[in-house]
Structure formats: C-alpha cells, structure tokens
Amino acid sequence: MTTIHLRVPDDLKEAAQAVAEANGLDLSTIMRMFLNHLKVRGTIPLPSLTVNGYTEEEEAEILRRSAGPTVKFRNVKEAIKHFRKK
C-alpha cells in the first residue's frame, strides 16, 4: 500500500466530501474508485467540460434553446394581454 497526499482548496474538499457522503461514501473510497477506473479502463471517468462547466452536448442544447423563437411586444400592455391568454 502507498499513500497519496493531495492539496486542494478547502471549499473543494468540503464540496466533494458532501457529495461523497450523500452517496454513502468517503473521499478515500471515491479516490480509490477513480484510480481503479483509470487502471481498469485506461480512461478518465469524467466528461470533458466547456469553460462554462457544461458538457459539449449540454452547452449545445442550451445554445439551441436560447436561439429559439422569441416574442416581441410593442409595450407592456401588449405583453400582459399575450400572457393572460395562455
């Protein structure tokens, strides 16, 4: 057996610990699972994230939805009338 020392910001450790505990695990178990995945599969068991923190698929979906049709109103009364119909 060997020991790995890892330095991370306090808030990162606390957040990771909370997720681990919510899943009935501790950080040591999570790290062993991660390392075992690397060994067995030869891949990193995490999705690649964009700079915005989403997977490429999630970000593409967000951008697709935000480009959807918009409703434009000439004034507030017109907007209120439109939404009361629904």
C-alpha atoms as a PDB file:
ATOM      1  CA  MET A   1       0.000   0.000   0.000  1.00  0.00           C
ATOM      2  CA  THR A   2       1.049   3.576  -0.562  1.00  0.00           C
ATOM      3  CA  THR A   3      -0.256   6.966   0.494  1.00  0.00           C
ATOM      4  CA  ILE A   4      -1.117   9.815  -1.859  1.00  0.00           C
ATOM      5  CA  HIS A   5      -1.183  13.355  -0.476  1.00  0.00           C
ATOM      6  CA  LEU A   6      -3.330  15.784  -2.412  1.00  0.00           C
ATOM      7  CA  ARG A   7      -3.545  19.521  -1.787  1.00  0.00           C
ATOM      8  CA  VAL A   8      -6.856  21.136  -2.752  1.00  0.00           C
ATOM      9  CA  PRO A   9      -8.699  24.274  -1.659  1.00  0.00           C
ATOM     10  CA  ASP A  10     -10.812  23.827   1.482  1.00  0.00           C
ATOM     11  CA  ASP A  11     -14.070  24.596  -0.340  1.00  0.00           C
ATOM     12  CA  LEU A  12     -13.337  21.947  -2.979  1.00  0.00           C
ATOM     13  CA  LYS A  13     -12.668  19.300  -0.323  1.00  0.00           C
ATOM     14  CA  GLU A  14     -15.826  20.212   1.591  1.00  0.00           C
ATOM     15  CA  ALA A  15     -17.993  20.095  -1.542  1.00  0.00           C
ATOM     16  CA  ALA A  16     -16.513  16.771  -2.648  1.00  0.00           C
ATOM     17  CA  GLN A  17     -16.904  15.344   0.838  1.00  0.00           C
ATOM     18  CA  ALA A  18     -20.568  16.362   0.929  1.00  0.00           C
ATOM     19  CA  VAL A  19     -21.216  14.621  -2.409  1.00  0.00           C
ATOM     20  CA  ALA A  20     -19.343  11.516  -1.283  1.00  0.00           C
ATOM     21  CA  GLU A  21     -21.269  11.347   1.992  1.00  0.00           C
ATOM     22  CA  ALA A  22     -24.583  11.901   0.203  1.00  0.00           C
ATOM     23  CA  ASN A  23     -23.731   8.736  -1.728  1.00  0.00           C
ATOM     24  CA  GLY A  24     -22.731   6.786   1.395  1.00  0.00           C
ATOM     25  CA  LEU A  25     -19.004   7.018   0.644  1.00  0.00           C
ATOM     26  CA  ASP A  26     -15.924   8.822   1.919  1.00  0.00           C
ATOM     27  CA  LEU A  27     -13.274  10.674  -0.066  1.00  0.00           C
ATOM     28  CA  SER A  28     -10.752   7.849   0.212  1.00  0.00           C
ATOM     29  CA  THR A  29     -13.223   5.426  -1.352  1.00  0.00           C
ATOM     30  CA  ILE A  30     -14.069   7.899  -4.107  1.00  0.00           C
ATOM     31  CA  MET A  31     -10.368   8.369  -4.906  1.00  0.00           C
ATOM     32  CA  ARG A  32      -9.786   4.581  -4.963  1.00  0.00           C
ATOM     33  CA  MET A  33     -12.750   4.217  -7.327  1.00  0.00           C
ATOM     34  CA  PHE A  34     -11.323   6.933  -9.582  1.00  0.00           C
ATOM     35  CA  LEU A  35      -7.856   5.371  -9.631  1.00  0.00           C
ATOM     36  CA  ASN A  36      -9.263   1.887 -10.200  1.00  0.00           C
ATOM     37  CA  HIS A  37     -11.239   3.162 -13.182  1.00  0.00           C
ATOM     38  CA  LEU A  38      -8.020   4.620 -14.622  1.00  0.00           C
ATOM     39  CA  LYS A  39      -6.302   1.267 -14.150  1.00  0.00           C
ATOM     40  CA  VAL A  40      -9.069  -0.972 -15.485  1.00  0.00           C
ATOM     41  CA  ARG A  41     -10.466   1.154 -18.310  1.00  0.00           C
ATOM     42  CA  GLY A  42      -7.460   3.307 -19.164  1.00  0.00           C
ATOM     43  CA  THR A  43      -9.681   6.390 -19.407  1.00  0.00           C
ATOM     44  CA  ILE A  44     -10.580   9.320 -17.183  1.00  0.00           C
ATOM     45  CA  PRO A  45     -14.087   8.656 -15.785  1.00  0.00           C
ATOM     46  CA  LEU A  46     -15.256  12.247 -16.171  1.00  0.00           C
ATOM     47  CA  PRO A  47     -16.894  14.094 -19.047  1.00  0.00           C
ATOM     48  CA  SER A  48     -14.947  16.836 -20.741  1.00  0.00           C
ATOM     49  CA  LEU A  49     -16.449  20.187 -19.717  1.00  0.00           C
ATOM     50  CA  THR A  50     -16.550  23.507 -21.516  1.00  0.00           C
ATOM     51  CA  VAL A  51     -15.297  26.702 -19.882  1.00  0.00           C
ATOM     52  CA  ASN A  52     -18.893  27.239 -18.736  1.00  0.00           C
ATOM     53  CA  GLY A  53     -18.932  23.957 -16.797  1.00  0.00           C
ATOM     54  CA  TYR A  54     -21.228  22.023 -19.142  1.00  0.00           C
ATOM     55  CA  THR A  55     -20.602  19.021 -21.362  1.00  0.00           C
ATOM     56  CA  GLU A  56     -20.463  19.915 -25.043  1.00  0.00           C
ATOM     57  CA  GLU A  57     -23.892  18.326 -25.522  1.00  0.00           C
ATOM     58  CA  GLU A  58     -25.435  20.316 -22.647  1.00  0.00           C
ATOM     59  CA  GLU A  59     -23.963  23.562 -23.912  1.00  0.00           C
ATOM     60  CA  ALA A  60     -25.161  22.897 -27.464  1.00  0.00           C
ATOM     61  CA  GLU A  61     -28.691  22.262 -26.124  1.00  0.00           C
ATOM     62  CA  ILE A  62     -28.639  25.474 -24.081  1.00  0.00           C
ATOM     63  CA  LEU A  63     -27.487  27.459 -27.108  1.00  0.00           C
ATOM     64  CA  ARG A  64     -30.083  25.772 -29.334  1.00  0.00           C
ATOM     65  CA  ARG A  65     -32.889  26.613 -26.923  1.00  0.00           C
ATOM     66  CA  SER A  66     -31.743  30.185 -26.425  1.00  0.00           C
ATOM     67  CA  ALA A  67     -31.786  30.727 -30.203  1.00  0.00           C
ATOM     68  CA  GLY A  68     -35.431  29.672 -30.372  1.00  0.00           C
ATOM     69  CA  PRO A  69     -38.287  31.949 -31.300  1.00  0.00           C
ATOM     70  CA  THR A  70     -38.871  34.993 -29.170  1.00  0.00           C
ATOM     71  CA  VAL A  71     -41.988  37.051 -28.746  1.00  0.00           C
ATOM     72  CA  LYS A  72     -41.593  40.795 -29.156  1.00  0.00           C
ATOM     73  CA  PHE A  73     -44.076  43.291 -27.795  1.00  0.00           C
ATOM     74  CA  ARG A  74     -44.556  46.955 -28.576  1.00  0.00           C
ATOM     75  CA  ASN A  75     -45.450  47.778 -24.968  1.00  0.00           C
ATOM     76  CA  VAL A  76     -46.215  46.298 -21.546  1.00  0.00           C
ATOM     77  CA  LYS A  77     -49.987  46.188 -22.109  1.00  0.00           C
ATOM     78  CA  GLU A  78     -49.489  44.053 -25.207  1.00  0.00           C
ATOM     79  CA  ALA A  79     -47.235  41.659 -23.253  1.00  0.00           C
ATOM     80  CA  ILE A  80     -49.741  41.348 -20.398  1.00  0.00           C
ATOM     81  CA  LYS A  81     -52.555  40.673 -22.866  1.00  0.00           C
ATOM     82  CA  HIS A  82     -50.486  37.987 -24.583  1.00  0.00           C
ATOM     83  CA  PHE A  83     -49.626  36.104 -21.382  1.00  0.00           C
ATOM     84  CA  ARG A  84     -53.143  36.288 -19.950  1.00  0.00           C
ATOM     85  CA  LYS A  85     -54.370  34.322 -22.982  1.00  0.00           C
ATOM     86  CA  LYS A  86     -52.253  31.320 -22.003  1.00  0.00           C
END
